Structure formats: C-alpha cells, structure tokens
Amino acid sequence: MSGGAYGACQGVSTTPERFGNVYFAFVFIATGGLLFGYIIGINSNVVTSGQLVCPTGWTGAVGTWTSAGYEQCYKLDAIQIGLLSSLNLIGGCLSSLICFRYADDLGRKLEVQIAAVLYFVGAAVAAAAPVLWGVYAGFTIYGLGIGFAMHAAPVYIAEISPASVRGALVSAKELVIVVGMFLGFLFGYIFSSIDTVGWRWMVAISGAFALVMAVGINFIPQSPRFLVLKAVRDRSGGSERLIAEAMDATKFFRRATSLEEVRDEVETMRSEVEASIGTEVAKWSDPFKYPRPLIVGCGLVLLQQITGQPSVLYFATNIFKSAGFGSAAALSSLGVGFVKLLATLFTVWRIDQYGRRPLLFIGIGMMTVALALIGTAFLFRECTEPGVSLAQCGDSVTSPHGWALLTVFGLMLYVSGYQVSFGPIAWLMISEVFPLRVRGAAFSIAAVVNFASNIMMTLTAEVLQDALTPSGVFFTYMGLALVSLWFVNSMVPETKGKTLEEIERMMTDKPAKDYNAPEAMKRA
C-alpha cells in the first residue's frame, strides 16, 4: 500500500488520469510556497531607496516608529533593513514551533487554511498600515503563514500523491516557490515606478493570491492517511466516523465512482498504520526516539543553508556589476531566477527516474566547484579608486574582465547545483523519512532548523565578510559543501520508488510485515 498515496487495490485503476484531483489539490496546497517565494521576490524592491526607504536628498515626510501617513518614507539603517527583511523568516520559525506541538491536532488541511488566513491578514496589515510598527507587524503575521504553509505542504502532498510521482510533486513545490519569486520580481518592477507607496501595492498583490488559496483549499479533503491515523488513535468512539471521512477523501483523490472501490484500500491503510504505530498518541518528545531520520532531515536542511545560498545570492548584483554589466546589474535577479527555474524544472522532471542520492551528489558537486571558482575570482577584485583598500572601496570594487565573467559563470553554476540538489530534495526527503507516528512534530523540528539557520546566515553575512573577507567566506562554504557530500554518502538513504511504509521500516530498522503482498497492493 502506498505510504502517501494509496497503492492500487482491487479493481482501482492507477492510470495517471485517475489522479487528476491530486494535481488539483496540489495547486492550492502549493500556493503557500508561491506566496513564500513572492515575498522573497518583492523584498529588495520594498526595502529600497524610493519605496519604504527614503531616497538620498528626500525633502518630504520622514516617518518614525509611530508617525502616521501614507506619503512618508523611512530612514532605516542596515540593521533595521536586515531585521525587516528577516521578519518573514522569524515568523516562519515561530509558527514552526507551534506546529511542533499542535500539528497532529490540527491536521494538514487546517494548517493550510490557517496559513492562507495569516498570509491574507499579514499582507493587508503591512500594505495598509500607516505606521512603521504596523508594517513590521504585518510582515511578521505574513511570516507566521509561511511557517504553517511550509510545514503542511510537503507532508500533505506526499500523503496524497502516487508513489510514482511523489518525488516530482513534492519537488514541484520548490518550482512553485521559484515561480513566486518571478512574480515578485515582476510586480516589484511594475510598481517600483510609483514612489513611496509602490511597495504597498506589491504587498497587496500577495493578499489576492492568499484569498484564492483560502477559497480553493476548502474544496480539498483532508489527507486520508492523517484521518486514518486519527481514527487509529481515537479513544472517544469516533474512529468509524474518521474512517468514513478517510474513505470519502480517498474516493476524491482516486476519482473513484463508489466507496466500494476504495474500501479495501482504506482498510489496508488502517491495518498498516495500526501495525506501524499502534494506538498510543505520540508525545512531544517522541521524535527524538528516532535519531536516524531526525539526523537525516535536520542535517539536510541545515546544510542547505550553511553552504552559502543566502550569501551567494546576496552578492548577485555586485557580481554582475563587476562583470561589466553596469546599470543592467539590476536585472541579475531575473537572470538568477531564470536559471533557478530551469534547474528546478529539470529536477522535477527527472527526480523519480534518477533518484534522490544521485541528484544530491551531482548538485552539491556543482556547488563545490562553483564556490571554488567564486572564491578564487574574488581574490582578484580591485578598487578603482587609487590608494583606497578593498574594505573601504564601497561600490567602486571591480574585477578584471576574465575573472568577472568566471565569477558570473560560478554564480549560475552554484544556483543550478542548489536547485538540482538541496533546493527541492531537502524538503522532499524530510516529507519522506519521518515515521508517520511523529511526522508532524519531527517535520516541525526540521522546519525550525531550516528557518533558524537561514536567519543566522542572513544576519551574520556582513560579519563573516568582515572577519574572513568575501573570498574566505566562499572557501568556507566550499568546505561545508564537501562535508555535505560526506553526509549524503554516509547518512542519506535512497527513497526513490519506495512507499512511505517501506521508508519507515528502512529508517527505523523495523522488520517488513509482508513483502510477498502483491506489488499493486504496495505502491501506486
């Protein structure tokens, strides 16, 4: 029986068209990722001179923390801008902690609904607030939505997807995030010409997407596996009602014509869940009883961040400037975004054919080479102002043309490698490796590690550059990429084509219950 997506059972077709409702559900579940990408895409256009931040020589109203007005801008220092840019990550980290305690009480669908409401309220508050503290509050509320959405989406998608396309669909969530970034770049460009208040329209657009998400998810049933899990754990006499709901949900996702078509499937699911977890309700500390999946999941999302993605993208515009693109360097985000999109499309297309481990090795290998190239090229940077050191040179830093072009190539290679490996596969793996009994809480731990390490990398970027020089920072990331290759080789299993039950047995060293069952009963 498929661990997430229902293996084929007596007389139920497994042809792709029977999973149309799975793809329909994916659209609204993954919109949470799109809204995460969107806020990343508009960020640089929100906290930029002429929008939220006052331009040089501004003679109009300058806002304070409590002053009200829509025509005012704000004079924010680098720390304040960094904090404002990190509010979505801080909010995401906080809501991931909430999910750690309450995810298995809320359920996947309710988490997505909560995320949609928080996205909408956060966008409305940030866009409409006439005071700076209201803007901060709005972005924090929006960030809370990110935590719920990014916690629910991979697990929800994995639990409703056929095993044959589970990897592609969970990885496609990363693709949706990249599409969200593109939309953020697009609307950022469109509204950037409206001085002072253009950023408000950029933020308001996300509220419209959140409204679509909130309406659409109401037409999607709860995850059948989650309902079966609740039924098995139920001690109040409602287990049969939950099983009936699971059958209705399975009928929807399988596009079956009657409940009889899915009855055997749900019963098989129920017996597997009972054999796997028993009837005991998981405690908050139970995820720590499964060290191997916790190390794999948390290790992947930690290495995803500390191998330098935030810092490499931070340098993107300066890299293009040093390559001689001048004013066109502002388009670097679009160029990087396009490369991210192509690489993610490749991963989604091939992940269920090539497997997780091979793509991790290929992608991290590309990142290692790219970081070596960027680190070496940065050794040859020069200051165009005579007698001024690189540390004091500001925007006048450049590189010899050949090294500059090599740096641009390294940047694109790094982004491609990241999207082939850590970008989509880290989130996919943590949706697969955690046992069903503790999946909600364990996924929350991994999400907290991800958001916390991202915040750490964002806030320490300047400190690391001052302490190690930019070149030294990239060589440090290269060393961490080599550690990542060792980690994947030593710790990360291959999960391609396996049901979630098979993966759980593999990760927890449980004996297989019945490997002689018909193959159709085991996977979609």
Protein backbone atom coordinates (compact mmCIF):
# COMPACT_ATOMS: atom_id res chain seq x y z
CA MET A 1 0.00 0.00 0.00
CA SER A 2 1.45 3.33 -0.91
CA GLY A 3 2.56 5.39 2.02
CA GLY A 4 1.29 8.52 0.81
CA ALA A 5 -0.72 7.89 -1.99
CA TYR A 6 -2.59 4.84 -1.81
CA GLY A 7 -1.45 1.82 -3.61
CA ALA A 8 -3.62 0.27 -6.16
CA CYS A 9 -6.19 -2.05 -4.69
CA GLN A 10 -8.69 -4.43 -6.02
CA GLY A 11 -10.13 -3.01 -9.20
CA VAL A 12 -8.99 0.57 -8.66
CA SER A 13 -7.17 1.98 -11.68
CA THR A 14 -3.74 3.55 -11.22
CA THR A 15 -3.65 5.34 -14.56
CA PRO A 16 -2.44 8.97 -14.37
CA GLU A 17 -5.83 10.43 -15.23
CA ARG A 18 -7.24 8.89 -12.04
CA PHE A 19 -5.03 11.27 -10.05
CA GLY A 20 -6.39 14.48 -11.57
CA ASN A 21 -7.79 15.56 -8.22
CA VAL A 22 -4.34 15.11 -6.67
CA TYR A 23 -2.97 17.65 -9.15
CA PHE A 24 -5.97 19.92 -8.49
CA ALA A 25 -5.26 19.76 -4.75
CA PHE A 26 -1.56 20.41 -5.37
CA VAL A 27 -2.35 23.81 -6.89
CA PHE A 28 -3.93 25.20 -3.72
CA ILE A 29 -1.62 23.43 -1.27
CA ALA A 30 1.47 24.66 -3.13
CA THR A 31 0.16 28.25 -3.33
CA GLY A 32 1.59 28.63 0.17
CA GLY A 33 5.04 28.09 -1.36
CA LEU A 34 4.26 30.57 -4.12
CA LEU A 35 3.49 33.22 -1.50
CA PHE A 36 6.76 32.41 0.27
CA GLY A 37 8.66 32.93 -2.98
CA TYR A 38 6.67 36.08 -3.75
CA ILE A 39 7.68 37.87 -0.54
CA ILE A 40 11.32 36.97 -1.27
CA GLY A 41 10.94 38.36 -4.79
CA ILE A 42 9.50 41.72 -3.77
CA ASN A 43 11.75 42.19 -0.74
CA SER A 44 14.56 44.05 -2.50
CA ASN A 45 12.00 46.37 -4.13
CA VAL A 46 10.25 47.06 -0.82
CA VAL A 47 13.30 47.94 1.30
CA THR A 48 14.94 50.07 -1.36
CA SER A 49 15.55 53.75 -1.85
CA GLY A 50 12.43 55.48 -3.14
CA GLN A 51 10.00 53.00 -1.66
CA LEU A 52 9.89 52.17 2.04
CA VAL A 53 13.38 53.69 2.45
CA CYS A 54 13.85 57.41 1.83
CA PRO A 55 15.98 58.26 -1.21
CA THR A 56 19.06 60.45 -0.96
CA GLY A 57 18.05 64.12 -0.81
CA TRP A 58 14.46 63.34 0.18
CA THR A 59 12.64 66.51 1.29
CA GLY A 60 9.23 65.03 2.03
CA ALA A 61 7.84 63.50 5.22
CA VAL A 62 10.19 61.15 7.06
CA GLY A 63 8.34 58.65 9.20
CA THR A 64 9.15 57.48 12.70
CA TRP A 65 8.14 54.30 14.54
CA THR A 66 4.74 55.79 15.46
CA SER A 67 4.11 58.64 12.98
CA ALA A 68 1.15 58.03 10.66
CA GLY A 69 0.92 58.74 6.95
CA TYR A 70 0.97 57.08 3.55
CA GLU A 71 3.25 59.55 1.77
CA GLN A 72 6.12 59.22 4.22
CA CYS A 73 9.22 57.08 3.84
CA TYR A 74 11.65 55.88 6.48
CA LYS A 75 15.35 56.29 7.13
CA LEU A 76 16.42 52.77 8.10
CA ASP A 77 19.98 51.68 8.79
CA ALA A 78 21.44 48.38 7.60
CA ILE A 79 20.46 46.53 10.79
CA GLN A 80 16.86 47.77 10.59
CA ILE A 81 16.62 46.79 6.92
CA GLY A 82 18.07 43.38 7.71
CA LEU A 83 15.57 42.89 10.52
CA LEU A 84 12.65 43.94 8.32
CA SER A 85 13.80 41.56 5.58
CA SER A 86 14.07 38.73 8.12
CA LEU A 87 10.63 39.16 9.68
CA ASN A 88 9.08 36.57 7.36
CA LEU A 89 11.73 34.03 8.42
CA ILE A 90 11.31 34.92 12.10
CA GLY A 91 7.55 34.50 11.80
CA GLY A 92 8.05 31.21 9.97
CA CYS A 93 10.32 29.95 12.73
CA LEU A 94 7.80 30.88 15.43
CA SER A 95 4.87 29.16 13.69
CA SER A 96 7.02 26.08 13.07
CA LEU A 97 7.40 25.85 16.84
CA ILE A 98 3.61 25.98 17.12
CA CYS A 99 3.36 23.19 14.55
CA PHE A 100 5.82 21.14 16.60
CA ARG A 101 3.29 20.96 19.42
CA TYR A 102 -0.05 21.09 17.62
CA ALA A 103 0.45 19.86 14.02
CA ASP A 104 -1.03 16.42 14.64
CA ASP A 105 -4.03 18.01 16.35
CA LEU A 106 -4.66 20.49 13.56
CA GLY A 107 -4.20 18.24 10.54
CA ARG A 108 -2.70 19.08 7.16
CA LYS A 109 -5.74 20.84 5.68
CA LEU A 110 -6.37 23.11 8.67
CA GLU A 111 -2.69 24.11 8.67
CA VAL A 112 -3.03 25.23 5.04
CA GLN A 113 -6.23 27.12 5.87
CA ILE A 114 -4.54 28.87 8.80
CA ALA A 115 -1.61 29.74 6.54
CA ALA A 116 -3.93 31.28 3.95
CA VAL A 117 -5.64 33.44 6.58
CA LEU A 118 -2.32 34.59 8.04
CA TYR A 119 -0.98 35.39 4.57
CA PHE A 120 -4.07 37.48 3.79
CA VAL A 121 -4.16 39.30 7.14
CA GLY A 122 -0.40 39.90 7.09
CA ALA A 123 -0.47 41.31 3.57
CA ALA A 124 -3.46 43.52 4.37
CA VAL A 125 -1.92 44.88 7.57
CA ALA A 126 1.52 45.54 6.02
CA ALA A 127 0.07 47.17 2.90
CA ALA A 128 -2.48 49.32 4.72
CA ALA A 129 -0.62 50.23 7.92
CA PRO A 130 0.07 53.99 8.10
CA VAL A 131 2.69 53.46 10.84
CA LEU A 132 6.02 51.61 10.73
CA TRP A 133 5.23 49.31 13.65
CA GLY A 134 2.14 48.19 11.75
CA VAL A 135 4.28 47.34 8.72
CA TYR A 136 6.57 45.26 10.93
CA ALA A 137 3.55 43.54 12.49
CA GLY A 138 2.10 42.78 9.05
CA PHE A 139 5.29 41.16 7.75
CA THR A 140 5.57 39.12 10.96
CA ILE A 141 2.00 37.84 10.60
CA TYR A 142 2.76 37.00 6.96
CA GLY A 143 5.81 35.08 8.18
CA LEU A 144 3.64 33.07 10.57
CA GLY A 145 1.70 31.97 7.50
CA ILE A 146 4.94 30.83 5.85
CA GLY A 147 5.68 28.50 8.76
CA PHE A 148 2.29 26.82 8.62
CA ALA A 149 2.35 26.58 4.81
CA MET A 150 5.87 25.20 4.54
CA HIS A 151 5.18 22.68 7.30
CA ALA A 152 1.92 21.40 5.84
CA ALA A 153 2.62 21.41 2.10
CA PRO A 154 5.35 18.73 1.74
CA VAL A 155 3.63 16.30 4.13
CA TYR A 156 0.15 16.91 2.66
CA ILE A 157 1.40 16.47 -0.90
CA ALA A 158 3.43 13.37 -0.02
CA GLU A 159 0.46 11.74 1.69
CA ILE A 160 -1.94 12.21 -1.23
CA SER A 161 0.47 11.59 -4.13
CA PRO A 162 1.03 8.31 -6.01
CA ALA A 163 4.44 6.87 -5.16
CA SER A 164 5.38 7.01 -8.85
CA VAL A 165 5.15 10.82 -8.91
CA ARG A 166 5.53 11.69 -5.22
CA GLY A 167 9.07 12.93 -5.71
CA ALA A 168 8.08 15.09 -8.67
CA LEU A 169 5.10 16.66 -6.92
CA VAL A 170 6.86 17.41 -3.62
CA SER A 171 9.83 18.80 -5.58
CA ALA A 172 7.42 20.83 -7.70
CA LYS A 173 6.65 22.81 -4.55
CA GLU A 174 10.16 24.24 -4.91
CA LEU A 175 9.31 25.09 -8.51
CA VAL A 176 6.23 26.95 -7.31
CA ILE A 177 8.42 28.92 -4.87
CA VAL A 178 10.64 29.97 -7.79
CA VAL A 179 7.55 30.98 -9.79
CA GLY A 180 6.53 33.06 -6.78
CA MET A 181 9.92 34.78 -6.87
CA PHE A 182 9.41 35.59 -10.55
CA LEU A 183 6.01 37.09 -9.81
CA GLY A 184 7.61 39.09 -7.00
CA PHE A 185 10.26 40.41 -9.41
CA LEU A 186 7.54 41.22 -11.96
CA PHE A 187 5.20 43.12 -9.66
CA GLY A 188 8.19 44.73 -7.98
CA TYR A 189 9.23 46.09 -11.38
CA ILE A 190 5.68 47.17 -12.27
CA PHE A 191 5.05 49.13 -9.07
CA SER A 192 8.60 50.39 -8.48
CA SER A 193 7.78 53.46 -10.59
CA ILE A 194 5.22 54.60 -8.01
CA ASP A 195 7.33 56.50 -5.50
CA THR A 196 6.89 55.91 -1.76
CA VAL A 197 3.69 53.83 -1.99
CA GLY A 198 4.55 51.40 -4.80
CA TRP A 199 5.74 48.86 -2.26
CA ARG A 200 2.27 48.81 -0.70
CA TRP A 201 0.77 47.63 -3.99
CA MET A 202 3.45 44.95 -4.27
CA VAL A 203 2.48 43.59 -0.86
CA ALA A 204 -1.25 43.92 -1.52
CA ILE A 205 -1.00 41.63 -4.58
CA SER A 206 0.03 38.77 -2.28
CA GLY A 207 -3.26 39.19 -0.44
CA ALA A 208 -5.14 38.38 -3.64
CA PHE A 209 -3.18 35.13 -4.06
CA ALA A 210 -3.85 34.29 -0.40
CA LEU A 211 -7.58 34.77 -0.96
CA VAL A 212 -7.52 32.32 -3.88
CA MET A 213 -5.61 29.85 -1.70
CA ALA A 214 -8.11 30.22 1.16
CA VAL A 215 -11.12 29.64 -1.08
CA GLY A 216 -9.61 26.79 -3.10
CA ILE A 217 -8.40 24.69 -0.15
CA ASN A 218 -11.98 24.46 1.13
CA PHE A 219 -12.76 22.17 -1.81
CA ILE A 220 -9.93 19.76 -0.93
CA PRO A 221 -10.45 16.91 1.58
CA GLN A 222 -8.18 16.17 4.49
CA SER A 223 -5.30 13.74 3.88
CA PRO A 224 -6.77 10.20 4.10
CA ARG A 225 -3.64 8.95 5.85
CA PHE A 226 -4.00 11.63 8.50
CA LEU A 227 -7.66 10.69 9.01
CA VAL A 228 -6.74 7.02 9.37
CA LEU A 229 -4.02 7.99 11.85
CA LYS A 230 -6.59 9.95 13.89
CA ALA A 231 -9.01 7.02 13.72
CA VAL A 232 -6.41 4.55 14.99
CA ARG A 233 -5.52 6.86 17.87
CA ASP A 234 -9.12 7.81 18.69
CA ARG A 235 -10.34 6.94 22.18
CA SER A 236 -13.67 8.77 22.09
CA GLY A 237 -15.65 6.41 19.90
CA GLY A 238 -15.31 8.42 16.72
CA SER A 239 -12.98 6.11 14.83
CA GLU A 240 -15.64 4.83 12.41
CA ARG A 241 -16.63 8.39 11.51
CA LEU A 242 -12.98 9.20 10.78
CA ILE A 243 -12.63 6.05 8.67
CA ALA A 244 -15.73 7.09 6.71
CA GLU A 245 -14.15 10.50 6.13
CA ALA A 246 -10.95 8.78 5.00
CA MET A 247 -12.93 6.71 2.50
CA ASP A 248 -14.62 9.83 1.12
CA ALA A 249 -11.25 11.57 0.83
CA THR A 250 -9.68 8.55 -0.87
CA LYS A 251 -12.60 8.40 -3.29
CA PHE A 252 -11.94 12.05 -4.16
CA PHE A 253 -8.20 11.70 -4.70
CA ARG A 254 -8.62 8.42 -6.63
CA ARG A 255 -11.59 9.76 -8.63
CA ALA A 256 -13.40 6.54 -7.79
CA THR A 257 -17.07 6.14 -8.67
CA SER A 258 -18.08 4.45 -5.42
CA LEU A 259 -16.87 3.88 -1.88
CA GLU A 260 -16.62 0.16 -2.54
CA GLU A 261 -13.74 0.82 -4.94
CA VAL A 262 -11.62 2.24 -2.12
CA ARG A 263 -12.89 0.25 0.88
CA ASP A 264 -10.17 -2.42 0.71
CA GLU A 265 -7.57 0.25 0.17
CA VAL A 266 -8.54 2.20 3.29
CA GLU A 267 -8.74 -0.99 5.36
CA THR A 268 -5.26 -1.97 4.22
CA MET A 269 -4.07 1.52 5.13
CA ARG A 270 -5.67 1.16 8.55
CA SER A 271 -4.01 -2.19 9.25
CA GLU A 272 -0.62 -0.83 8.20
CA VAL A 273 -0.99 2.23 10.43
CA GLU A 274 -2.05 0.05 13.39
CA ALA A 275 0.90 -2.27 12.86
CA SER A 276 3.27 0.69 12.43
CA ILE A 277 2.31 2.96 15.32
CA GLY A 278 -0.26 1.21 17.48
CA THR A 279 -2.98 3.21 19.21
CA GLU A 280 -0.78 5.29 21.53
CA VAL A 281 -0.84 9.04 21.00
CA ALA A 282 2.63 10.46 20.29
CA LYS A 283 4.22 12.75 22.88
CA TRP A 284 6.14 15.91 22.02
CA SER A 285 9.41 14.15 22.88
CA ASP A 286 8.77 11.10 20.69
CA PRO A 287 10.53 12.44 17.55
CA PHE A 288 13.81 12.22 19.48
CA LYS A 289 13.29 8.47 19.80
CA TYR A 290 14.02 8.21 16.06
CA PRO A 291 17.55 9.62 15.81
CA ARG A 292 18.39 8.42 12.29
CA PRO A 293 15.52 10.13 10.43
CA LEU A 294 15.94 13.21 12.63
CA ILE A 295 19.65 13.44 11.81
CA VAL A 296 18.97 12.96 8.09
CA GLY A 297 16.14 15.52 7.97
CA CYS A 298 17.70 18.21 10.16
CA GLY A 299 21.15 17.63 8.64
CA LEU A 300 19.89 18.21 5.12
CA VAL A 301 18.02 21.44 5.89
CA LEU A 302 20.95 22.77 7.97
CA LEU A 303 23.50 22.06 5.24
CA GLN A 304 21.05 23.53 2.72
CA GLN A 305 21.53 26.90 4.41
CA ILE A 306 25.12 26.92 5.72
CA THR A 307 26.60 26.03 2.33
CA GLY A 308 26.02 29.66 1.45
CA GLN A 309 22.87 30.12 -0.58
CA PRO A 310 21.82 33.38 1.18
CA SER A 311 25.30 34.89 0.83
CA VAL A 312 25.82 33.82 -2.79
CA LEU A 313 22.53 35.43 -3.78
CA TYR A 314 23.42 38.45 -1.66
CA PHE A 315 26.43 39.00 -3.94
CA ALA A 316 24.46 38.51 -7.17
CA THR A 317 24.05 42.16 -8.15
CA ASN A 318 27.68 43.04 -7.25
CA ILE A 319 28.92 40.05 -9.25
CA PHE A 320 27.11 41.30 -12.35
CA LYS A 321 28.42 44.83 -11.77
CA SER A 322 31.99 43.55 -11.54
CA ALA A 323 31.48 41.68 -14.81
CA GLY A 324 30.90 44.98 -16.56
CA PHE A 325 27.13 44.90 -16.89
CA GLY A 326 26.84 48.29 -15.20
CA SER A 327 23.26 49.52 -14.76
CA ALA A 328 21.94 46.25 -16.18
CA ALA A 329 23.11 44.56 -12.99
CA ALA A 330 19.68 45.29 -11.53
CA LEU A 331 18.36 42.56 -13.84
CA SER A 332 20.62 39.97 -12.22
CA SER A 333 17.81 38.74 -10.01
CA LEU A 334 15.79 37.89 -13.10
CA GLY A 335 18.75 36.08 -14.65
CA VAL A 336 19.38 34.11 -11.49
CA GLY A 337 15.68 33.40 -11.17
CA PHE A 338 15.53 32.09 -14.74
CA VAL A 339 18.43 29.72 -14.09
CA LYS A 340 16.77 28.57 -10.84
CA LEU A 341 13.60 27.87 -12.76
CA LEU A 342 15.32 25.79 -15.46
CA ALA A 343 17.28 23.75 -12.93
CA THR A 344 14.19 23.12 -10.81
CA LEU A 345 12.22 22.04 -13.88
CA PHE A 346 14.95 19.50 -14.64
CA THR A 347 14.85 18.15 -11.09
CA VAL A 348 11.06 17.84 -11.06
CA TRP A 349 11.20 16.09 -14.44
CA ARG A 350 13.88 13.56 -13.51
CA ILE A 351 13.87 13.05 -9.74
CA ASP A 352 11.68 9.94 -9.81
CA GLN A 353 13.87 8.47 -12.55
CA TYR A 354 17.36 9.33 -11.27
CA GLY A 355 16.66 9.15 -7.52
CA ARG A 356 17.44 11.44 -4.60
CA ARG A 357 21.04 10.49 -3.82
CA PRO A 358 22.43 10.82 -7.39
CA LEU A 359 20.92 14.29 -7.78
CA LEU A 360 22.26 15.33 -4.37
CA PHE A 361 25.76 14.21 -5.36
CA ILE A 362 25.55 15.95 -8.75
CA GLY A 363 24.08 19.19 -7.39
CA ILE A 364 26.36 19.52 -4.36
CA GLY A 365 29.34 18.68 -6.57
CA MET A 366 28.34 21.56 -8.86
CA MET A 367 28.03 23.85 -5.84
CA THR A 368 31.51 22.84 -4.63
CA VAL A 369 33.11 23.67 -7.98
CA ALA A 370 31.15 26.92 -8.21
CA LEU A 371 32.21 28.08 -4.73
CA ALA A 372 35.84 27.34 -5.58
CA LEU A 373 35.52 29.46 -8.76
CA ILE A 374 33.81 32.36 -6.98
CA GLY A 375 36.24 32.27 -4.05
CA THR A 376 39.25 32.28 -6.39
CA ALA A 377 37.84 35.04 -8.61
CA PHE A 378 37.15 37.25 -5.60
CA LEU A 379 40.87 37.14 -4.76
CA PHE A 380 41.46 39.30 -7.86
CA ARG A 381 38.99 42.07 -7.10
CA GLU A 382 40.35 45.61 -7.34
CA CYS A 383 39.35 49.06 -6.15
CA THR A 384 39.13 51.62 -8.93
CA GLU A 385 39.85 54.46 -6.51
CA PRO A 386 43.63 54.92 -6.16
CA GLY A 387 45.04 54.35 -2.69
CA VAL A 388 41.77 53.00 -1.26
CA SER A 389 41.63 49.49 0.22
CA LEU A 390 39.01 46.96 -0.80
CA ALA A 391 37.44 47.14 2.64
CA GLN A 392 36.85 50.90 2.21
CA CYS A 393 36.13 50.90 -1.51
CA GLY A 394 32.33 50.61 -1.44
CA ASP A 395 30.72 50.37 -4.87
CA SER A 396 33.98 51.03 -6.70
CA VAL A 397 35.12 47.39 -6.45
CA THR A 398 35.59 45.60 -9.77
CA SER A 399 37.34 42.56 -11.21
CA PRO A 400 39.43 42.01 -14.34
CA HIS A 401 37.04 41.10 -17.14
CA GLY A 402 38.05 37.44 -17.39
CA TRP A 403 37.74 36.82 -13.68
CA ALA A 404 34.45 38.71 -13.59
CA LEU A 405 32.95 36.51 -16.30
CA LEU A 406 34.23 33.42 -14.48
CA THR A 407 32.51 34.69 -11.33
CA VAL A 408 29.22 35.08 -13.19
CA PHE A 409 29.59 31.54 -14.53
CA GLY A 410 30.29 30.33 -10.98
CA LEU A 411 27.18 32.07 -9.69
CA MET A 412 24.98 30.43 -12.32
CA LEU A 413 26.62 27.04 -11.70
CA TYR A 414 26.03 27.39 -7.97
CA VAL A 415 22.36 28.30 -8.39
CA SER A 416 21.88 25.39 -10.80
CA GLY A 417 23.57 22.94 -8.43
CA TYR A 418 21.49 24.16 -5.49
CA GLN A 419 18.22 23.72 -7.40
CA VAL A 420 19.24 20.25 -8.59
CA SER A 421 20.02 19.15 -5.03
CA PHE A 422 19.35 20.94 -1.76
CA GLY A 423 16.61 23.26 -3.05
CA PRO A 424 13.88 20.70 -3.78
CA ILE A 425 15.32 17.46 -2.40
CA ALA A 426 15.86 18.55 1.21
CA TRP A 427 12.15 19.32 1.59
CA LEU A 428 11.22 16.14 -0.26
CA MET A 429 13.40 13.96 1.98
CA ILE A 430 12.01 15.38 5.22
CA SER A 431 8.49 14.66 3.95
CA GLU A 432 9.52 11.02 3.42
CA VAL A 433 11.93 9.89 6.15
CA PHE A 434 9.98 10.68 9.33
CA PRO A 435 7.76 7.89 10.74
CA LEU A 436 4.02 8.56 10.48
CA ARG A 437 3.62 8.45 14.26
CA VAL A 438 5.78 11.55 14.76
CA ARG A 439 5.74 13.06 11.28
CA GLY A 440 4.08 16.36 12.22
CA ALA A 441 6.32 17.11 15.21
CA ALA A 442 9.51 15.84 13.53
CA PHE A 443 8.86 17.91 10.42
CA SER A 444 8.40 20.95 12.67
CA ILE A 445 11.84 20.39 14.20
CA ALA A 446 13.40 20.27 10.73
CA ALA A 447 11.50 23.41 9.69
CA VAL A 448 12.72 25.28 12.78
CA VAL A 449 16.30 24.23 11.99
CA ASN A 450 15.82 25.47 8.41
CA PHE A 451 14.35 28.86 9.32
CA ALA A 452 16.74 29.43 12.23
CA SER A 453 19.83 28.66 10.14
CA ASN A 454 18.51 30.88 7.33
CA ILE A 455 18.03 33.75 9.79
CA MET A 456 21.53 33.14 11.20
CA MET A 457 23.09 33.21 7.72
CA THR A 458 21.20 36.36 6.75
CA LEU A 459 22.06 38.29 9.91
CA THR A 460 25.74 37.23 10.01
CA ALA A 461 26.56 37.75 6.33
CA GLU A 462 28.23 41.12 6.89
CA VAL A 463 30.09 39.91 10.00
CA LEU A 464 31.50 36.89 8.16
CA GLN A 465 32.63 39.02 5.23
CA ASP A 466 34.45 41.43 7.56
CA ALA A 467 36.08 38.60 9.51
CA LEU A 468 37.05 36.25 6.67
CA THR A 469 36.92 38.52 3.58
CA PRO A 470 34.37 37.62 0.87
CA SER A 471 36.81 35.18 -0.73
CA GLY A 472 37.40 33.45 2.59
CA VAL A 473 33.66 33.14 3.14
CA PHE A 474 33.19 31.35 -0.18
CA PHE A 475 36.07 28.96 0.51
CA THR A 476 34.48 28.22 3.89
CA TYR A 477 31.21 27.39 2.14
CA MET A 478 33.16 25.16 -0.25
CA GLY A 479 34.49 23.22 2.74
CA LEU A 480 30.95 22.85 4.08
CA ALA A 481 29.83 21.61 0.65
CA LEU A 482 32.47 18.88 0.88
CA VAL A 483 31.11 17.99 4.32
CA SER A 484 27.67 17.81 2.70
CA LEU A 485 28.93 15.25 0.17
CA TRP A 486 30.24 13.13 3.03
CA PHE A 487 26.94 13.48 4.88
CA VAL A 488 24.88 12.38 1.87
CA ASN A 489 27.18 9.43 1.24
CA SER A 490 27.14 8.31 4.88
CA MET A 491 23.66 9.13 6.14
CA VAL A 492 21.09 9.77 3.40
CA PRO A 493 19.16 6.75 2.06
CA GLU A 494 17.68 6.35 -1.40
CA THR A 495 13.88 6.58 -1.23
CA LYS A 496 13.03 6.53 -4.95
CA GLY A 497 10.04 4.34 -5.73
CA LYS A 498 9.51 3.25 -2.12
CA THR A 499 6.25 3.66 -0.25
CA LEU A 500 6.28 5.67 2.94
CA GLU A 501 5.78 2.44 4.91
CA GLU A 502 8.84 0.89 3.28
CA ILE A 503 10.87 4.02 4.00
CA GLU A 504 9.73 3.97 7.63
CA ARG A 505 10.82 0.35 8.03
CA MET A 506 14.16 1.17 6.45
CA MET A 507 14.76 4.24 8.64
CA THR A 508 13.66 2.63 11.90
CA ASP A 509 15.08 -0.86 11.25
CA LYS A 510 11.66 -2.46 11.61
CA PRO A 511 11.14 -5.87 10.01
CA ALA A 512 8.98 -5.91 6.92
CA LYS A 513 5.49 -7.17 7.63
CA ASP A 514 4.70 -8.71 4.27
CA TYR A 515 6.94 -8.23 1.30
CA ASN A 516 5.15 -11.04 -0.50
CA ALA A 517 1.99 -8.99 -0.89
CA PRO A 518 1.04 -8.24 -4.47
CA GLU A 519 3.02 -5.34 -5.83
CA ALA A 520 -0.14 -3.49 -6.73
CA MET A 521 -1.12 -3.51 -3.08
CA LYS A 522 2.16 -1.89 -2.10
CA ARG A 523 2.50 1.07 -4.36
CA ALA A 524 0.73 3.21 -6.85
